[in-house]
C-alpha atoms as a PDB file:
ATOM      1  CA  MET A   1      -4.544   5.286 -11.925  1.00  0.00           C
ATOM      2  CA  ILE A   2      -3.295   7.342  -8.997  1.00  0.00           C
ATOM      3  CA  ILE A   3      -3.860  11.084  -9.337  1.00  0.00           C
ATOM      4  CA  ASN A   4      -1.536  13.458  -7.502  1.00  0.00           C
ATOM      5  CA  ASP A   5      -3.237  16.662  -8.598  1.00  0.00           C
ATOM      6  CA  TRP A   6      -6.839  17.672  -9.068  1.00  0.00           C
ATOM      7  CA  ASP A   7      -6.379  18.807 -12.675  1.00  0.00           C
ATOM      8  CA  LEU A   8      -8.895  19.469 -15.451  1.00  0.00           C
ATOM      9  CA  SER A   9      -8.399  16.113 -17.175  1.00  0.00           C
ATOM     10  CA  PHE A  10      -9.260  14.327 -13.934  1.00  0.00           C
ATOM     11  CA  THR A  11     -12.215  16.520 -13.059  1.00  0.00           C
ATOM     12  CA  ALA A  12     -13.594  16.310 -16.598  1.00  0.00           C
ATOM     13  CA  LYS A  13     -13.742  12.532 -16.265  1.00  0.00           C
ATOM     14  CA  TYR A  14     -16.062  12.981 -13.253  1.00  0.00           C
ATOM     15  CA  ASN A  15     -18.143  15.963 -14.466  1.00  0.00           C
ATOM     16  CA  HIS A  16     -15.900  18.386 -12.543  1.00  0.00           C
ATOM     17  CA  GLN A  17     -16.875  16.873  -9.212  1.00  0.00           C
ATOM     18  CA  PHE A  18     -15.005  14.607  -6.880  1.00  0.00           C
ATOM     19  CA  PRO A  19     -16.151  11.057  -7.678  1.00  0.00           C
ATOM     20  CA  ASP A  20     -18.532   9.446  -5.204  1.00  0.00           C
ATOM     21  CA  SER A  21     -16.845   6.044  -5.567  1.00  0.00           C
ATOM     22  CA  TYR A  22     -13.107   5.614  -4.994  1.00  0.00           C
ATOM     23  CA  LEU A  23     -10.574   3.464  -3.181  1.00  0.00           C
ATOM     24  CA  CYS A  24      -8.287   5.113  -0.629  1.00  0.00           C
ATOM     25  CA  ILE A  25      -5.025   3.219  -0.202  1.00  0.00           C
ATOM     26  CA  ASP A  26      -2.038   3.618   2.069  1.00  0.00           C
ATOM     27  CA  THR A  27       1.162   1.717   2.680  1.00  0.00           C
ATOM     28  CA  GLU A  28       3.887   1.676   5.270  1.00  0.00           C
ATOM     29  CA  ASP A  29       7.189   0.403   3.990  1.00  0.00           C
ATOM     30  CA  THR A  30      10.847  -0.103   4.804  1.00  0.00           C
ATOM     31  CA  GLY A  31      12.032   2.644   2.436  1.00  0.00           C
ATOM     32  CA  ASN A  32      11.809   4.188  -1.017  1.00  0.00           C
ATOM     33  CA  ASP A  33      13.569   1.643  -3.208  1.00  0.00           C
ATOM     34  CA  LYS A  34      10.949  -0.300  -5.149  1.00  0.00           C
ATOM     35  CA  ARG A  35      13.522  -3.005  -5.976  1.00  0.00           C
ATOM     36  CA  SER A  36      14.563  -3.812  -2.411  1.00  0.00           C
ATOM     37  CA  ASP A  37      12.187  -2.280   0.127  1.00  0.00           C
ATOM     38  CA  LEU A  38       9.098  -3.992   1.469  1.00  0.00           C
ATOM     39  CA  ILE A  39       5.514  -3.128   2.276  1.00  0.00           C
ATOM     40  CA  VAL A  40       5.084  -3.802   5.993  1.00  0.00           C
ATOM     41  CA  GLU A  41       1.493  -2.576   6.190  1.00  0.00           C
ATOM     42  CA  ILE A  42      -1.118  -1.936   3.520  1.00  0.00           C
ATOM     43  CA  GLY A  43      -4.663  -0.766   3.933  1.00  0.00           C
ATOM     44  CA  HIS A  44      -7.664   0.575   2.126  1.00  0.00           C
ATOM     45  CA  THR A  45     -11.005   2.266   2.585  1.00  0.00           C
ATOM     46  CA  MET A  46     -13.562   1.661  -0.140  1.00  0.00           C
ATOM     47  CA  VAL A  47     -16.133   4.361  -0.802  1.00  0.00           C
ATOM     48  CA  GLN A  48     -19.109   3.663  -3.053  1.00  0.00           C
ATOM     49  CA  GLN A  49     -21.850   6.176  -3.720  1.00  0.00           C
ATOM     50  CA  GLY A  50     -20.338   8.403  -1.026  1.00  0.00           C
ATOM     51  CA  LYS A  51     -20.492   5.762   1.723  1.00  0.00           C
ATOM     52  CA  VAL A  52     -17.678   3.740   3.284  1.00  0.00           C
ATOM     53  CA  VAL A  53     -18.465   0.122   2.427  1.00  0.00           C
ATOM     54  CA  ASP A  54     -15.214  -1.611   3.360  1.00  0.00           C
ATOM     55  CA  SER A  55     -12.005  -0.954   5.242  1.00  0.00           C
ATOM     56  CA  LYS A  56      -9.034  -3.172   5.996  1.00  0.00           C
ATOM     57  CA  SER A  57      -5.414  -2.939   7.068  1.00  0.00           C
ATOM     58  CA  LEU A  58      -2.927  -5.810   6.914  1.00  0.00           C
ATOM     59  CA  ILE A  59       0.505  -6.088   8.484  1.00  0.00           C
ATOM     60  CA  LEU A  60       2.920  -8.186   6.421  1.00  0.00           C
ATOM     61  CA  ASN A  61       5.261 -10.453   8.371  1.00  0.00           C
ATOM     62  CA  TRP A  62       8.444 -10.786   6.323  1.00  0.00           C
ATOM     63  CA  TYR A  63      10.325 -12.561   9.129  1.00  0.00           C
ATOM     64  CA  GLY A  64      11.398 -15.980   7.906  1.00  0.00           C
ATOM     65  CA  TYR A  65      10.635 -15.139   4.274  1.00  0.00           C
ATOM     66  CA  PRO A  66      13.336 -16.461   1.893  1.00  0.00           C
ATOM     67  CA  GLY A  67      15.855 -13.786   0.953  1.00  0.00           C
ATOM     68  CA  ILE A  68      14.806 -11.381   3.724  1.00  0.00           C
ATOM     69  CA  THR A  69      17.133 -11.462   6.698  1.00  0.00           C
ATOM     70  CA  ASP A  70      15.958 -10.563  10.176  1.00  0.00           C
ATOM     71  CA  THR A  71      19.015  -8.319  10.565  1.00  0.00           C
ATOM     72  CA  TRP A  72      18.158  -6.289   7.465  1.00  0.00           C
ATOM     73  CA  LEU A  73      14.472  -5.984   8.380  1.00  0.00           C
ATOM     74  CA  ASN A  74      15.225  -4.977  11.981  1.00  0.00           C
ATOM     75  CA  TYR A  75      17.700  -2.368  10.718  1.00  0.00           C
ATOM     76  CA  ARG A  76      15.180  -0.868   8.265  1.00  0.00           C
ATOM     77  CA  LEU A  77      12.450  -0.745  10.930  1.00  0.00           C
ATOM     78  CA  ASP A  78      14.880   0.913  13.379  1.00  0.00           C
ATOM     79  CA  ILE A  79      15.704   3.620  10.812  1.00  0.00           C
ATOM     80  CA  ILE A  80      12.026   4.366  10.280  1.00  0.00           C
ATOM     81  CA  ARG A  81      11.355   4.475  14.019  1.00  0.00           C
ATOM     82  CA  ALA A  82      14.310   6.884  14.438  1.00  0.00           C
ATOM     83  CA  ASN A  83      12.893   9.158  11.713  1.00  0.00           C
ATOM     84  CA  VAL A  84       9.207   8.959  12.643  1.00  0.00           C
ATOM     85  CA  GLY A  85       9.564   8.811  16.395  1.00  0.00           C
ATOM     86  CA  SER A  86       8.388   6.602  19.202  1.00  0.00           C
ATOM     87  CA  GLY A  87       4.839   6.591  17.801  1.00  0.00           C
ATOM     88  CA  TRP A  88       5.937   4.247  15.021  1.00  0.00           C
ATOM     89  CA  ARG A  89       4.039   1.098  15.918  1.00  0.00           C
ATOM     90  CA  LEU A  90       5.465  -1.339  13.381  1.00  0.00           C
ATOM     91  CA  THR A  91       8.148  -2.807  15.573  1.00  0.00           C
ATOM     92  CA  PRO A  92       9.598  -6.270  14.957  1.00  0.00           C
ATOM     93  CA  GLU A  93       7.443  -7.553  17.835  1.00  0.00           C
ATOM     94  CA  VAL A  94       4.214  -6.152  16.354  1.00  0.00           C
ATOM     95  CA  ILE A  95       5.030  -7.458  12.891  1.00  0.00           C
ATOM     96  CA  ARG A  96       5.781 -10.943  14.214  1.00  0.00           C
ATOM     97  CA  LYS A  97       2.649 -11.009  16.405  1.00  0.00           C
ATOM     98  CA  GLU A  98       0.061  -9.333  14.153  1.00  0.00           C
ATOM     99  CA  GLY A  99       1.516  -9.870  10.698  1.00  0.00           C
ATOM    100  CA  ILE A 100       0.275 -12.348   8.122  1.00  0.00           C
ATOM    101  CA  ASP A 101       1.998 -14.152   5.273  1.00  0.00           C
ATOM    102  CA  PRO A 102       3.153 -11.346   2.951  1.00  0.00           C
ATOM    103  CA  LEU A 103       2.279 -13.187  -0.257  1.00  0.00           C
ATOM    104  CA  ARG A 104      -1.268 -13.758   0.976  1.00  0.00           C
ATOM    105  CA  ALA A 105      -1.630 -10.029   1.698  1.00  0.00           C
ATOM    106  CA  LEU A 106      -0.127  -8.964  -1.635  1.00  0.00           C
ATOM    107  CA  LYS A 107      -2.369 -11.399  -3.550  1.00  0.00           C
ATOM    108  CA  PHE A 108      -5.441 -10.076  -1.735  1.00  0.00           C
ATOM    109  CA  TYR A 109      -4.582  -6.511  -2.721  1.00  0.00           C
ATOM    110  CA  GLU A 110      -3.634  -7.439  -6.281  1.00  0.00           C
ATOM    111  CA  GLU A 111      -7.085  -9.003  -6.713  1.00  0.00           C
ATOM    112  CA  LEU A 112      -8.834  -6.028  -5.081  1.00  0.00           C
ATOM    113  CA  PHE A 113      -6.951  -3.493  -7.208  1.00  0.00           C
ATOM    114  CA  THR A 114      -7.601  -5.461 -10.404  1.00  0.00           C
ATOM    115  CA  ALA A 115     -11.337  -5.636  -9.684  1.00  0.00           C
ATOM    116  CA  TRP A 116     -11.463  -1.937  -8.802  1.00  0.00           C
ATOM    117  CA  GLN A 117      -9.546  -0.929 -11.912  1.00  0.00           C
ATOM    118  CA  LYS A 118     -11.887  -2.954 -14.161  1.00  0.00           C
ATOM    119  CA  ASN A 119     -14.662  -0.610 -13.034  1.00  0.00           C
ATOM    120  CA  ASN A 120     -12.487   2.349 -14.130  1.00  0.00           C
ATOM    121  CA  LEU A 121     -12.712   3.906 -10.669  1.00  0.00           C
ATOM    122  CA  PRO A 122      -9.948   6.023  -9.137  1.00  0.00           C
ATOM    123  CA  PHE A 123      -7.490   5.262  -6.389  1.00  0.00           C
ATOM    124  CA  VAL A 124      -6.837   7.989  -3.833  1.00  0.00           C
ATOM    125  CA  ALA A 125      -3.636   8.162  -1.816  1.00  0.00           C
ATOM    126  CA  GLN A 126      -1.663  10.809   0.009  1.00  0.00           C
ATOM    127  CA  ASN A 127       1.624  11.139  -1.886  1.00  0.00           C
ATOM    128  CA  GLY A 128       0.432   8.208  -3.992  1.00  0.00           C
ATOM    129  CA  GLN A 129       2.655   8.520  -7.055  1.00  0.00           C
ATOM    130  CA  ASN A 130       5.786   9.267  -5.054  1.00  0.00           C
ATOM    131  CA  ALA A 131       5.359   6.556  -2.441  1.00  0.00           C
ATOM    132  CA  ASP A 132       2.450   4.107  -2.495  1.00  0.00           C
ATOM    133  CA  GLU A 133       2.324   3.463  -6.229  1.00  0.00           C
ATOM    134  CA  ARG A 134       6.092   2.913  -6.436  1.00  0.00           C
ATOM    135  CA  ILE A 135       6.333   0.499  -3.480  1.00  0.00           C
ATOM    136  CA  ILE A 136       3.183  -1.433  -4.486  1.00  0.00           C
ATOM    137  CA  SER A 137       4.477  -1.729  -8.032  1.00  0.00           C
ATOM    138  CA  GLY A 138       7.867  -2.929  -6.821  1.00  0.00           C
ATOM    139  CA  ASN A 139       6.428  -5.508  -4.419  1.00  0.00           C
ATOM    140  CA  PHE A 140       3.894  -6.794  -6.967  1.00  0.00           C
ATOM    141  CA  ASP A 141       6.646  -7.157  -9.597  1.00  0.00           C
ATOM    142  CA  ARG A 142       9.116  -8.732  -7.188  1.00  0.00           C
ATOM    143  CA  PHE A 143       6.883 -11.192  -5.320  1.00  0.00           C
ATOM    144  CA  LEU A 144       3.827 -11.780  -7.528  1.00  0.00           C
ATOM    145  CA  ASN A 145       5.421 -11.220 -10.930  1.00  0.00           C
ATOM    146  CA  LYS A 146       2.461  -8.953 -11.744  1.00  0.00           C
ATOM    147  CA  PRO A 147       2.193  -5.247 -12.531  1.00  0.00           C
ATOM    148  CA  PHE A 148       0.318  -2.619 -10.571  1.00  0.00           C
END
């Protein structure tokens, strides 16, 4: 479950304190459409008992993936760079050089999220319900045929 607001139902679940174990997640994507846009980077920081115990970030290389054209992907990355500015580091060159097989990355995160959820622990994300949850859900449905 991704919580956007610190409301009473959430705080009651954790004795009105912020939980000491949670999973921070973040994604970078090609846009807001969960049916057509792609996760190009996904990362997490795992906190247990108030201490960071794991952190990872993966770049997903969609170049050469069936049904994803280089022209479309380059165009989407150019739009993001134009909106975000020159600090946007996920250029086609970076994705090709540093990126891994996107299905491998999505499967890794599907397994991590499933294990985390079984422990009934929260996910934390900036703008999680409006962005991260939607794009993760769309990519999991589309490429893994699994829900988030």
